[in-house]
Amino acid sequence: MSKKTVASNNADMVNRNKGTNGTNIANSKNTGNRGKQLNPNQKKG
């Protein structure tokens, strides 16, 4: 795998690859645990 440039990685972080059957690894790592953190049913602690 080739090394990504900063500009390429920044662009990938906001691109979800909507409409494709693959995932964008940079976007997945960027969003990470966001859904769990925003879920109001999660217990703190």
PDB file of N, CA and C in Angstrom:
ATOM      1  N   MET A   1       0.850  -1.178   0.000  1.00  0.00           N
ATOM      2  CA  MET A   1       0.000   0.000   0.000  1.00  0.00           C
ATOM      3  C   MET A   1       0.894   1.239   0.000  1.00  0.00           C
ATOM      4  N   SER A   2       0.551   2.197  -0.791  1.00  0.00           N
ATOM      5  CA  SER A   2       1.354   3.415  -0.871  1.00  0.00           C
ATOM      6  C   SER A   2       1.050   4.335   0.305  1.00  0.00           C
ATOM      7  N   LYS A   3       2.003   5.175   0.619  1.00  0.00           N
ATOM      8  CA  LYS A   3       1.839   6.114   1.722  1.00  0.00           C
ATOM      9  C   LYS A   3       0.923   7.253   1.300  1.00  0.00           C
ATOM     10  N   LYS A   4      -0.010   7.627   2.182  1.00  0.00           N
ATOM     11  CA  LYS A   4      -0.952   8.695   1.872  1.00  0.00           C
ATOM     12  C   LYS A   4      -0.364  10.052   2.203  1.00  0.00           C
ATOM     13  N   THR A   5      -0.749  11.027   1.429  1.00  0.00           N
ATOM     14  CA  THR A   5      -0.340  12.394   1.733  1.00  0.00           C
ATOM     15  C   THR A   5      -1.322  12.990   2.742  1.00  0.00           C
ATOM     16  N   VAL A   6      -0.941  14.062   3.362  1.00  0.00           N
ATOM     17  CA  VAL A   6      -1.810  14.721   4.346  1.00  0.00           C
ATOM     18  C   VAL A   6      -3.099  15.188   3.685  1.00  0.00           C
ATOM     19  N   ALA A   7      -2.991  15.777   2.497  1.00  0.00           N
ATOM     20  CA  ALA A   7      -4.182  16.274   1.799  1.00  0.00           C
ATOM     21  C   ALA A   7      -5.123  15.130   1.439  1.00  0.00           C
ATOM     22  N   SER A   8      -4.553  14.018   1.001  1.00  0.00           N
ATOM     23  CA  SER A   8      -5.366  12.862   0.632  1.00  0.00           C
ATOM     24  C   SER A   8      -6.079  12.287   1.853  1.00  0.00           C
ATOM     25  N   ASN A   9      -5.364  12.194   2.970  1.00  0.00           N
ATOM     26  CA  ASN A   9      -5.967  11.658   4.182  1.00  0.00           C
ATOM     27  C   ASN A   9      -7.065  12.576   4.700  1.00  0.00           C
ATOM     28  N   ASN A  10      -6.845  13.892   4.647  1.00  0.00           N
ATOM     29  CA  ASN A  10      -7.874  14.836   5.091  1.00  0.00           C
ATOM     30  C   ASN A  10      -9.128  14.734   4.230  1.00  0.00           C
ATOM     31  N   ALA A  11      -8.948  14.528   2.943  1.00  0.00           N
ATOM     32  CA  ALA A  11     -10.094  14.377   2.049  1.00  0.00           C
ATOM     33  C   ALA A  11     -10.832  13.073   2.338  1.00  0.00           C
ATOM     34  N   ASP A  12     -10.098  12.011   2.628  1.00  0.00           N
ATOM     35  CA  ASP A  12     -10.714  10.714   2.918  1.00  0.00           C
ATOM     36  C   ASP A  12     -11.502  10.731   4.217  1.00  0.00           C
ATOM     37  N   MET A  13     -11.082  11.529   5.182  1.00  0.00           N
ATOM     38  CA  MET A  13     -11.763  11.554   6.473  1.00  0.00           C
ATOM     39  C   MET A  13     -13.181  12.087   6.359  1.00  0.00           C
ATOM     40  N   VAL A  14     -13.451  12.960   5.400  1.00  0.00           N
ATOM     41  CA  VAL A  14     -14.802  13.494   5.250  1.00  0.00           C
ATOM     42  C   VAL A  14     -15.613  12.756   4.189  1.00  0.00           C
ATOM     43  N   ASN A  15     -14.982  11.859   3.426  1.00  0.00           N
ATOM     44  CA  ASN A  15     -15.646  11.119   2.355  1.00  0.00           C
ATOM     45  C   ASN A  15     -16.079   9.753   2.856  1.00  0.00           C
ATOM     46  N   ARG A  16     -17.386   9.510   2.897  1.00  0.00           N
ATOM     47  CA  ARG A  16     -17.896   8.234   3.397  1.00  0.00           C
ATOM     48  C   ARG A  16     -17.949   7.139   2.340  1.00  0.00           C
ATOM     49  N   ASN A  17     -17.613   7.425   1.104  1.00  0.00           N
ATOM     50  CA  ASN A  17     -17.753   6.468   0.000  1.00  0.00           C
ATOM     51  C   ASN A  17     -19.205   6.043  -0.166  1.00  0.00           C
ATOM     52  N   LYS A  18     -20.115   7.000  -0.032  1.00  0.00           N
ATOM     53  CA  LYS A  18     -21.549   6.732  -0.147  1.00  0.00           C
ATOM     54  C   LYS A  18     -21.861   6.186  -1.539  1.00  0.00           C
ATOM     55  N   GLY A  19     -22.649   5.128  -1.597  1.00  0.00           N
ATOM     56  CA  GLY A  19     -23.052   4.545  -2.869  1.00  0.00           C
ATOM     57  C   GLY A  19     -22.132   3.434  -3.349  1.00  0.00           C
ATOM     58  N   THR A  20     -21.078   3.135  -2.587  1.00  0.00           N
ATOM     59  CA  THR A  20     -20.189   2.038  -2.966  1.00  0.00           C
ATOM     60  C   THR A  20     -20.371   0.897  -1.981  1.00  0.00           C
ATOM     61  N   ASN A  21     -19.842  -0.258  -2.325  1.00  0.00           N
ATOM     62  CA  ASN A  21     -19.995  -1.409  -1.448  1.00  0.00           C
ATOM     63  C   ASN A  21     -18.783  -1.608  -0.539  1.00  0.00           C
ATOM     64  N   GLY A  22     -17.874  -0.636  -0.509  1.00  0.00           N
ATOM     65  CA  GLY A  22     -16.697  -0.734   0.348  1.00  0.00           C
ATOM     66  C   GLY A  22     -16.759   0.277   1.468  1.00  0.00           C
ATOM     67  N   THR A  23     -15.717   0.258   2.300  1.00  0.00           N
ATOM     68  CA  THR A  23     -15.648   1.247   3.375  1.00  0.00           C
ATOM     69  C   THR A  23     -14.391   2.076   3.188  1.00  0.00           C
ATOM     70  N   ASN A  24     -14.436   3.280   3.706  1.00  0.00           N
ATOM     71  CA  ASN A  24     -13.292   4.168   3.679  1.00  0.00           C
ATOM     72  C   ASN A  24     -12.613   4.043   5.043  1.00  0.00           C
ATOM     73  N   ILE A  25     -11.436   3.409   5.081  1.00  0.00           N
ATOM     74  CA  ILE A  25     -10.764   3.122   6.343  1.00  0.00           C
ATOM     75  C   ILE A  25     -10.436   4.400   7.100  1.00  0.00           C
ATOM     76  N   ALA A  26      -9.965   5.429   6.400  1.00  0.00           N
ATOM     77  CA  ALA A  26      -9.629   6.690   7.064  1.00  0.00           C
ATOM     78  C   ALA A  26     -10.873   7.295   7.706  1.00  0.00           C
ATOM     79  N   ASN A  27     -12.015   7.242   7.012  1.00  0.00           N
ATOM     80  CA  ASN A  27     -13.262   7.788   7.553  1.00  0.00           C
ATOM     81  C   ASN A  27     -13.736   6.955   8.740  1.00  0.00           C
ATOM     82  N   SER A  28     -13.608   5.637   8.659  1.00  0.00           N
ATOM     83  CA  SER A  28     -14.032   4.771   9.755  1.00  0.00           C
ATOM     84  C   SER A  28     -13.235   5.048  11.022  1.00  0.00           C
ATOM     85  N   LYS A  29     -11.933   5.208  10.867  1.00  0.00           N
ATOM     86  CA  LYS A  29     -11.091   5.491  12.030  1.00  0.00           C
ATOM     87  C   LYS A  29     -11.360   6.881  12.577  1.00  0.00           C
ATOM     88  N   ASN A  30     -11.688   7.818  11.704  1.00  0.00           N
ATOM     89  CA  ASN A  30     -11.961   9.190  12.136  1.00  0.00           C
ATOM     90  C   ASN A  30     -13.258   9.263  12.948  1.00  0.00           C
ATOM     91  N   THR A  31     -14.300   8.576  12.488  1.00  0.00           N
ATOM     92  CA  THR A  31     -15.580   8.625  13.197  1.00  0.00           C
ATOM     93  C   THR A  31     -15.562   7.719  14.425  1.00  0.00           C
ATOM     94  N   GLY A  32     -14.796   6.648  14.377  1.00  0.00           N
ATOM     95  CA  GLY A  32     -14.534   5.791  15.531  1.00  0.00           C
ATOM     96  C   GLY A  32     -15.726   5.485  16.406  1.00  0.00           C
ATOM     97  N   ASN A  33     -15.687   5.972  17.601  1.00  0.00           N
ATOM     98  CA  ASN A  33     -16.650   5.628  18.638  1.00  0.00           C
ATOM     99  C   ASN A  33     -17.778   6.647  18.746  1.00  0.00           C
ATOM    100  N   ARG A  34     -17.953   7.464  17.729  1.00  0.00           N
ATOM    101  CA  ARG A  34     -18.871   8.603  17.801  1.00  0.00           C
ATOM    102  C   ARG A  34     -20.315   8.181  18.082  1.00  0.00           C
ATOM    103  N   GLY A  35     -20.800   7.170  17.402  1.00  0.00           N
ATOM    104  CA  GLY A  35     -22.186   6.734  17.591  1.00  0.00           C
ATOM    105  C   GLY A  35     -22.469   6.291  19.009  1.00  0.00           C
ATOM    106  N   LYS A  36     -21.530   5.549  19.579  1.00  0.00           N
ATOM    107  CA  LYS A  36     -21.715   5.091  20.951  1.00  0.00           C
ATOM    108  C   LYS A  36     -21.700   6.271  21.924  1.00  0.00           C
ATOM    109  N   GLN A  37     -20.817   7.220  21.694  1.00  0.00           N
ATOM    110  CA  GLN A  37     -20.723   8.369  22.573  1.00  0.00           C
ATOM    111  C   GLN A  37     -21.958   9.255  22.510  1.00  0.00           C
ATOM    112  N   LEU A  38     -22.592   9.332  21.340  1.00  0.00           N
ATOM    113  CA  LEU A  38     -23.770  10.183  21.185  1.00  0.00           C
ATOM    114  C   LEU A  38     -25.063   9.502  21.619  1.00  0.00           C
ATOM    115  N   ASN A  39     -25.033   8.195  21.843  1.00  0.00           N
ATOM    116  CA  ASN A  39     -26.223   7.457  22.228  1.00  0.00           C
ATOM    117  C   ASN A  39     -26.633   7.821  23.650  1.00  0.00           C
ATOM    118  N   PRO A  40     -27.833   8.388  23.839  1.00  0.00           N
ATOM    119  CA  PRO A  40     -28.238   8.823  25.180  1.00  0.00           C
ATOM    120  C   PRO A  40     -28.496   7.663  26.139  1.00  0.00           C
ATOM    121  N   ASN A  41     -28.603   6.433  25.626  1.00  0.00           N
ATOM    122  CA  ASN A  41     -28.889   5.280  26.483  1.00  0.00           C
ATOM    123  C   ASN A  41     -27.629   4.684  27.114  1.00  0.00           C
ATOM    124  N   GLN A  42     -26.459   5.153  26.726  1.00  0.00           N
ATOM    125  CA  GLN A  42     -25.221   4.618  27.283  1.00  0.00           C
ATOM    126  C   GLN A  42     -25.023   5.128  28.700  1.00  0.00           C
ATOM    127  N   LYS A  43     -24.550   4.231  29.573  1.00  0.00           N
ATOM    128  CA  LYS A  43     -24.284   4.625  30.961  1.00  0.00           C
ATOM    129  C   LYS A  43     -22.889   5.216  31.060  1.00  0.00           C
ATOM    130  N   LYS A  44     -22.746   6.249  31.852  1.00  0.00           N
ATOM    131  CA  LYS A  44     -21.436   6.865  32.065  1.00  0.00           C
ATOM    132  C   LYS A  44     -20.663   6.036  33.080  1.00  0.00           C
ATOM    133  N   GLY A  45     -19.353   6.001  32.869  1.00  0.00           N
ATOM    134  CA  GLY A  45     -18.563   5.409  33.906  1.00  0.00           C
ATOM    135  C   GLY A  45     -17.826   4.221  33.542  1.00  0.00           C
TER     136      GLY A  45
END
